[in-house]
Amino acid sequence: MYVNSNCVGCSQCVAFCKHGAITAKGRAVISEKCKECRVCLSYCPMKAIQPGKEA
């Protein structure tokens, strides 16, 4: 999972991450705690969180 440039730092993804893998100080950052469950994808209003590795 990675965060693209659409992120506006709203932090909605942080609240819904069951693994505590996302922090947001400005733009969201996904840590190695990520289990690739993809729950955050549903809650990002900007579609900034993407599956896979950043290209």
PDB file of N, CA and C in Angstrom:
ATOM      1  N   MET A   1       0.853  -1.170   0.000  1.00  0.00           N
ATOM      2  CA  MET A   1       0.000   0.000   0.000  1.00  0.00           C
ATOM      3  C   MET A   1       0.896   1.229   0.000  1.00  0.00           C
ATOM      4  N   TYR A   2       0.442   2.254  -0.702  1.00  0.00           N
ATOM      5  CA  TYR A   2       1.176   3.514  -0.700  1.00  0.00           C
ATOM      6  C   TYR A   2       0.197   4.668  -0.818  1.00  0.00           C
ATOM      7  N   VAL A   3       0.677   5.848  -0.536  1.00  0.00           N
ATOM      8  CA  VAL A   3      -0.142   7.059  -0.592  1.00  0.00           C
ATOM      9  C   VAL A   3       0.340   7.900  -1.769  1.00  0.00           C
ATOM     10  N   ASN A   4      -0.588   8.247  -2.664  1.00  0.00           N
ATOM     11  CA  ASN A   4      -0.199   9.066  -3.812  1.00  0.00           C
ATOM     12  C   ASN A   4      -0.378  10.555  -3.504  1.00  0.00           C
ATOM     13  N   SER A   5      -0.127  11.394  -4.468  1.00  0.00           N
ATOM     14  CA  SER A   5      -0.152  12.843  -4.272  1.00  0.00           C
ATOM     15  C   SER A   5      -1.552  13.425  -4.082  1.00  0.00           C
ATOM     16  N   ASN A   6      -2.586  12.612  -4.199  1.00  0.00           N
ATOM     17  CA  ASN A   6      -3.952  13.095  -3.961  1.00  0.00           C
ATOM     18  C   ASN A   6      -4.226  13.339  -2.481  1.00  0.00           C
ATOM     19  N   CYS A   7      -3.379  12.808  -1.599  1.00  0.00           N
ATOM     20  CA  CYS A   7      -3.602  12.919  -0.155  1.00  0.00           C
ATOM     21  C   CYS A   7      -3.615  14.387   0.276  1.00  0.00           C
ATOM     22  N   VAL A   8      -4.658  14.755   1.034  1.00  0.00           N
ATOM     23  CA  VAL A   8      -4.774  16.115   1.554  1.00  0.00           C
ATOM     24  C   VAL A   8      -4.588  16.157   3.071  1.00  0.00           C
ATOM     25  N   GLY A   9      -4.237  15.014   3.668  1.00  0.00           N
ATOM     26  CA  GLY A   9      -3.979  14.964   5.105  1.00  0.00           C
ATOM     27  C   GLY A   9      -5.217  15.026   5.974  1.00  0.00           C
ATOM     28  N   CYS A  10      -6.335  14.532   5.488  1.00  0.00           N
ATOM     29  CA  CYS A  10      -7.587  14.585   6.258  1.00  0.00           C
ATOM     30  C   CYS A  10      -7.593  13.621   7.446  1.00  0.00           C
ATOM     31  N   SER A  11      -6.748  12.609   7.421  1.00  0.00           N
ATOM     32  CA  SER A  11      -6.580  11.628   8.499  1.00  0.00           C
ATOM     33  C   SER A  11      -7.719  10.635   8.674  1.00  0.00           C
ATOM     34  N   GLN A  12      -8.676  10.581   7.773  1.00  0.00           N
ATOM     35  CA  GLN A  12      -9.765   9.619   7.905  1.00  0.00           C
ATOM     36  C   GLN A  12      -9.247   8.193   7.892  1.00  0.00           C
ATOM     37  N   CYS A  13      -8.225   7.924   7.119  1.00  0.00           N
ATOM     38  CA  CYS A  13      -7.662   6.578   7.024  1.00  0.00           C
ATOM     39  C   CYS A  13      -7.074   6.127   8.359  1.00  0.00           C
ATOM     40  N   VAL A  14      -6.510   7.057   9.122  1.00  0.00           N
ATOM     41  CA  VAL A  14      -5.887   6.728  10.405  1.00  0.00           C
ATOM     42  C   VAL A  14      -6.914   6.110  11.344  1.00  0.00           C
ATOM     43  N   ALA A  15      -8.089   6.691  11.408  1.00  0.00           N
ATOM     44  CA  ALA A  15      -9.132   6.227  12.315  1.00  0.00           C
ATOM     45  C   ALA A  15      -9.623   4.819  11.995  1.00  0.00           C
ATOM     46  N   PHE A  16      -9.554   4.425  10.745  1.00  0.00           N
ATOM     47  CA  PHE A  16     -10.106   3.131  10.348  1.00  0.00           C
ATOM     48  C   PHE A  16      -9.059   2.028  10.197  1.00  0.00           C
ATOM     49  N   CYS A  17      -7.787   2.345  10.379  1.00  0.00           N
ATOM     50  CA  CYS A  17      -6.738   1.319  10.265  1.00  0.00           C
ATOM     51  C   CYS A  17      -6.707   0.488  11.541  1.00  0.00           C
ATOM     52  N   LYS A  18      -7.110  -0.769  11.446  1.00  0.00           N
ATOM     53  CA  LYS A  18      -7.169  -1.679  12.597  1.00  0.00           C
ATOM     54  C   LYS A  18      -5.787  -2.075  13.106  1.00  0.00           C
ATOM     55  N   HIS A  19      -4.765  -1.832  12.317  1.00  0.00           N
ATOM     56  CA  HIS A  19      -3.412  -2.276  12.666  1.00  0.00           C
ATOM     57  C   HIS A  19      -2.515  -1.130  13.132  1.00  0.00           C
ATOM     58  N   GLY A  20      -3.052   0.070  13.159  1.00  0.00           N
ATOM     59  CA  GLY A  20      -2.261   1.223  13.579  1.00  0.00           C
ATOM     60  C   GLY A  20      -1.093   1.505  12.645  1.00  0.00           C
ATOM     61  N   ALA A  21      -1.295   1.219  11.373  1.00  0.00           N
ATOM     62  CA  ALA A  21      -0.212   1.318  10.398  1.00  0.00           C
ATOM     63  C   ALA A  21      -0.146   2.655   9.677  1.00  0.00           C
ATOM     64  N   ILE A  22      -1.102   3.538   9.933  1.00  0.00           N
ATOM     65  CA  ILE A  22      -1.125   4.811   9.210  1.00  0.00           C
ATOM     66  C   ILE A  22      -1.000   5.970  10.184  1.00  0.00           C
ATOM     67  N   THR A  23      -0.119   6.893   9.860  1.00  0.00           N
ATOM     68  CA  THR A  23      -0.005   8.143  10.600  1.00  0.00           C
ATOM     69  C   THR A  23      -0.209   9.270   9.596  1.00  0.00           C
ATOM     70  N   ALA A  24      -0.657  10.403  10.101  1.00  0.00           N
ATOM     71  CA  ALA A  24      -0.876  11.539   9.199  1.00  0.00           C
ATOM     72  C   ALA A  24      -0.470  12.826   9.891  1.00  0.00           C
ATOM     73  N   LYS A  25       0.630  13.359   9.466  1.00  0.00           N
ATOM     74  CA  LYS A  25       1.081  14.687   9.886  1.00  0.00           C
ATOM     75  C   LYS A  25       1.326  15.408   8.571  1.00  0.00           C
ATOM     76  N   GLY A  26       0.279  16.002   8.060  1.00  0.00           N
ATOM     77  CA  GLY A  26       0.311  16.478   6.681  1.00  0.00           C
ATOM     78  C   GLY A  26      -0.202  15.334   5.827  1.00  0.00           C
ATOM     79  N   ARG A  27       0.651  14.772   5.024  1.00  0.00           N
ATOM     80  CA  ARG A  27       0.273  13.640   4.169  1.00  0.00           C
ATOM     81  C   ARG A  27       0.336  12.327   4.957  1.00  0.00           C
ATOM     82  N   ALA A  28      -0.566  11.402   4.670  1.00  0.00           N
ATOM     83  CA  ALA A  28      -0.591  10.101   5.340  1.00  0.00           C
ATOM     84  C   ALA A  28       0.644   9.279   4.993  1.00  0.00           C
ATOM     85  N   VAL A  29       1.086   8.480   5.958  1.00  0.00           N
ATOM     86  CA  VAL A  29       2.231   7.592   5.771  1.00  0.00           C
ATOM     87  C   VAL A  29       1.819   6.207   6.255  1.00  0.00           C
ATOM     88  N   ILE A  30       2.071   5.190   5.436  1.00  0.00           N
ATOM     89  CA  ILE A  30       1.732   3.817   5.793  1.00  0.00           C
ATOM     90  C   ILE A  30       3.021   3.104   6.203  1.00  0.00           C
ATOM     91  N   SER A  31       3.015   2.538   7.412  1.00  0.00           N
ATOM     92  CA  SER A  31       4.220   1.894   7.943  1.00  0.00           C
ATOM     93  C   SER A  31       4.273   0.406   7.609  1.00  0.00           C
ATOM     94  N   GLU A  32       5.338  -0.213   8.065  1.00  0.00           N
ATOM     95  CA  GLU A  32       5.529  -1.648   7.858  1.00  0.00           C
ATOM     96  C   GLU A  32       4.520  -2.492   8.640  1.00  0.00           C
ATOM     97  N   LYS A  33       3.759  -1.879   9.535  1.00  0.00           N
ATOM     98  CA  LYS A  33       2.706  -2.592  10.271  1.00  0.00           C
ATOM     99  C   LYS A  33       1.538  -2.975   9.365  1.00  0.00           C
ATOM    100  N   CYS A  34       1.466  -2.390   8.179  1.00  0.00           N
ATOM    101  CA  CYS A  34       0.364  -2.617   7.245  1.00  0.00           C
ATOM    102  C   CYS A  34       0.239  -4.102   6.906  1.00  0.00           C
ATOM    103  N   LYS A  35      -0.975  -4.614   7.019  1.00  0.00           N
ATOM    104  CA  LYS A  35      -1.271  -6.018   6.712  1.00  0.00           C
ATOM    105  C   LYS A  35      -1.948  -6.185   5.361  1.00  0.00           C
ATOM    106  N   GLU A  36      -2.010  -5.093   4.573  1.00  0.00           N
ATOM    107  CA  GLU A  36      -2.622  -5.124   3.238  1.00  0.00           C
ATOM    108  C   GLU A  36      -4.097  -5.550   3.278  1.00  0.00           C
ATOM    109  N   CYS A  37      -4.805  -5.211   4.359  1.00  0.00           N
ATOM    110  CA  CYS A  37      -6.221  -5.594   4.476  1.00  0.00           C
ATOM    111  C   CYS A  37      -7.128  -4.753   3.579  1.00  0.00           C
ATOM    112  N   ARG A  38      -6.645  -3.588   3.160  1.00  0.00           N
ATOM    113  CA  ARG A  38      -7.331  -2.690   2.226  1.00  0.00           C
ATOM    114  C   ARG A  38      -8.560  -1.961   2.774  1.00  0.00           C
ATOM    115  N   VAL A  39      -8.783  -2.021   4.063  1.00  0.00           N
ATOM    116  CA  VAL A  39      -9.915  -1.308   4.661  1.00  0.00           C
ATOM    117  C   VAL A  39      -9.772   0.191   4.414  1.00  0.00           C
ATOM    118  N   CYS A  40      -8.574   0.698   4.513  1.00  0.00           N
ATOM    119  CA  CYS A  40      -8.343   2.135   4.342  1.00  0.00           C
ATOM    120  C   CYS A  40      -8.751   2.637   2.963  1.00  0.00           C
ATOM    121  N   LEU A  41      -8.683   1.789   1.962  1.00  0.00           N
ATOM    122  CA  LEU A  41      -9.057   2.195   0.604  1.00  0.00           C
ATOM    123  C   LEU A  41     -10.497   2.702   0.561  1.00  0.00           C
ATOM    124  N   SER A  42     -11.364   2.080   1.335  1.00  0.00           N
ATOM    125  CA  SER A  42     -12.782   2.450   1.345  1.00  0.00           C
ATOM    126  C   SER A  42     -13.037   3.789   2.020  1.00  0.00           C
ATOM    127  N   TYR A  43     -12.143   4.196   2.917  1.00  0.00           N
ATOM    128  CA  TYR A  43     -12.378   5.392   3.701  1.00  0.00           C
ATOM    129  C   TYR A  43     -11.620   6.621   3.228  1.00  0.00           C
ATOM    130  N   CYS A  44     -10.795   6.485   2.229  1.00  0.00           N
ATOM    131  CA  CYS A  44     -10.054   7.637   1.727  1.00  0.00           C
ATOM    132  C   CYS A  44     -10.914   8.387   0.705  1.00  0.00           C
ATOM    133  N   PRO A  45     -11.381   9.591   1.053  1.00  0.00           N
ATOM    134  CA  PRO A  45     -12.246  10.337   0.130  1.00  0.00           C
ATOM    135  C   PRO A  45     -11.519  10.819  -1.124  1.00  0.00           C
ATOM    136  N   MET A  46     -10.205  10.877  -1.066  1.00  0.00           N
ATOM    137  CA  MET A  46      -9.410  11.373  -2.195  1.00  0.00           C
ATOM    138  C   MET A  46      -8.842  10.243  -3.055  1.00  0.00           C
ATOM    139  N   LYS A  47      -9.115   8.999  -2.677  1.00  0.00           N
ATOM    140  CA  LYS A  47      -8.570   7.821  -3.386  1.00  0.00           C
ATOM    141  C   LYS A  47      -7.038   7.904  -3.460  1.00  0.00           C
ATOM    142  N   ALA A  48      -6.440   8.390  -2.373  1.00  0.00           N
ATOM    143  CA  ALA A  48      -4.995   8.579  -2.329  1.00  0.00           C
ATOM    144  C   ALA A  48      -4.241   7.319  -1.928  1.00  0.00           C
ATOM    145  N   ILE A  49      -4.911   6.376  -1.278  1.00  0.00           N
ATOM    146  CA  ILE A  49      -4.255   5.145  -0.872  1.00  0.00           C
ATOM    147  C   ILE A  49      -4.443   4.114  -1.981  1.00  0.00           C
ATOM    148  N   GLN A  50      -3.333   3.542  -2.391  1.00  0.00           N
ATOM    149  CA  GLN A  50      -3.336   2.608  -3.505  1.00  0.00           C
ATOM    150  C   GLN A  50      -2.682   1.283  -3.113  1.00  0.00           C
ATOM    151  N   PRO A  51      -3.185   0.182  -3.654  1.00  0.00           N
ATOM    152  CA  PRO A  51      -2.567  -1.115  -3.373  1.00  0.00           C
ATOM    153  C   PRO A  51      -1.238  -1.259  -4.110  1.00  0.00           C
ATOM    154  N   GLY A  52      -0.397  -2.124  -3.615  1.00  0.00           N
ATOM    155  CA  GLY A  52       0.872  -2.396  -4.275  1.00  0.00           C
ATOM    156  C   GLY A  52       1.972  -1.460  -3.831  1.00  0.00           C
ATOM    157  N   LYS A  53       2.998  -1.387  -4.630  1.00  0.00           N
ATOM    158  CA  LYS A  53       4.176  -0.539  -4.364  1.00  0.00           C
ATOM    159  C   LYS A  53       4.104   0.709  -5.218  1.00  0.00           C
ATOM    160  N   GLU A  54       4.657   1.790  -4.684  1.00  0.00           N
ATOM    161  CA  GLU A  54       4.684   3.044  -5.431  1.00  0.00           C
ATOM    162  C   GLU A  54       5.585   2.903  -6.644  1.00  0.00           C
ATOM    163  N   ALA A  55       5.097   3.352  -7.760  1.00  0.00           N
ATOM    164  CA  ALA A  55       5.860   3.231  -9.024  1.00  0.00           C
ATOM    165  C   ALA A  55       6.935   4.264  -9.135  1.00  0.00           C
TER     166      ALA A  55
END
